[in-house]
């Protein structure tokens, strides 16, 4: 259905997906009034670059995103969707009418059931404990991260690795505790994860894998002590240590919980929309209500929840086409997502590593399924001295996945080949990891 003149599009969620949709609708000059309801008071920003803001590489304003000529309602939370009257009820008492509603509510950080994480009978985190999801989280961690502070990052996935690297670059003493066998196990194999671990350790990060955290140990704030921690008022408590499952404790004045995210689906569920792991949408990003759509981290398309910036932007672009062109627009068919991360060397390494040469930046890219099956072909080139690692998996004559660390010269060509899902040429598979027929150095 094509937008009518001055049709009202309301977007719940002021993050990357919502900002991208508003920008795209503004760019094509669609005859539409766009309202973006966002809980955060900040202007839309690139969440992917929060770690660089935390590390001090960028000031916060550099990662601000254009949001088009939309009407923004910052610091406002949508509390209920009235589908019958097509209105969004907000926590400030306002009601925002819509013709088309887009859920771009994103995801919440997962806070595991650790002892001492919350106040008994309350929901406050101890002072000094933060997730790492929002700009407010990032700015609070910037205030707390100092050379005399011991920080523990719980979780060694993409977010935890990024947070640990950023804190180390600020000169903070960092321990990374990860329950899995290897870092970033969803993207990396054992060999590439080992190189990533070595790089973090060169930055001064103390890495523990197969390490389960049992709980947090806290202390009360002494009378008159200023409450300056990252976790709000902390109900009068401040974190002092992290307790591991084996009984050991790690001193901690700062704890970052990076244990993944969970789609925010509460509004959709309360409104009676179909929700599985996320808000279920079809190839037009439409829910089972023809006037309601969903994109980004909260949307589940064809059974897949992406949780990455690239798919969120592709969904926003696809929905902009659907809303402006109607049923003739190309449908969204899913995203073949590539994970990319740059770990820079540390300009402010901890004292125990300052006599060492600063580590070189480490570029990382992973896509598809890098873990081969029994009948797959694997091409693998590694140079431990240079810290480079290149691996691709070929399945049924097609590129199934790959990992590149330290040298991303071929990542563009590999990503295009993987995204196209076309059969590979009959030339030797080694050419997948070479440039002009010669092994990359």
Foldseek 3Di string as FASTA:
>chain_A
DADDAAFEEEEEAQELLQLLLQALLQVVVFRYAYEYEHQAQDAYFDQVCLLVCLLVVDPRVVRHDHRHPYHYDYNKHFDAADVVQQWTAIPVRDIHHGQFYEYAPAWAFDDDPAPQQADVVDRFGAFQEEARGDNLLSVLSSVVQALPFEEEEEAQAPVSLSNLLSSLLRNHQYEYEHLAPFGNVVFDDPVLRVLSVVLSVLSNYHYDYNWAWRHFDKDFDDPPDDRRGSGPNRVRIFTQWTATPVGDIGGGRHYYYRHGIAADCVRVVVNPWDADSAGEAEQLQDTPPNRYGYADQRYAYPNDRDNDSVRSSVNSNSNSQCHRVNPVGDTHDDDFDKDKDKRAWHPNGHPVNPVDDTDHIKIKMKTADQDDDPPWDKDWDDDVVQSWIWMWIADPQATGMIMTMNDCPLVVVNVVRNRVRDGDDPPDPNVSQPDPPDHDD
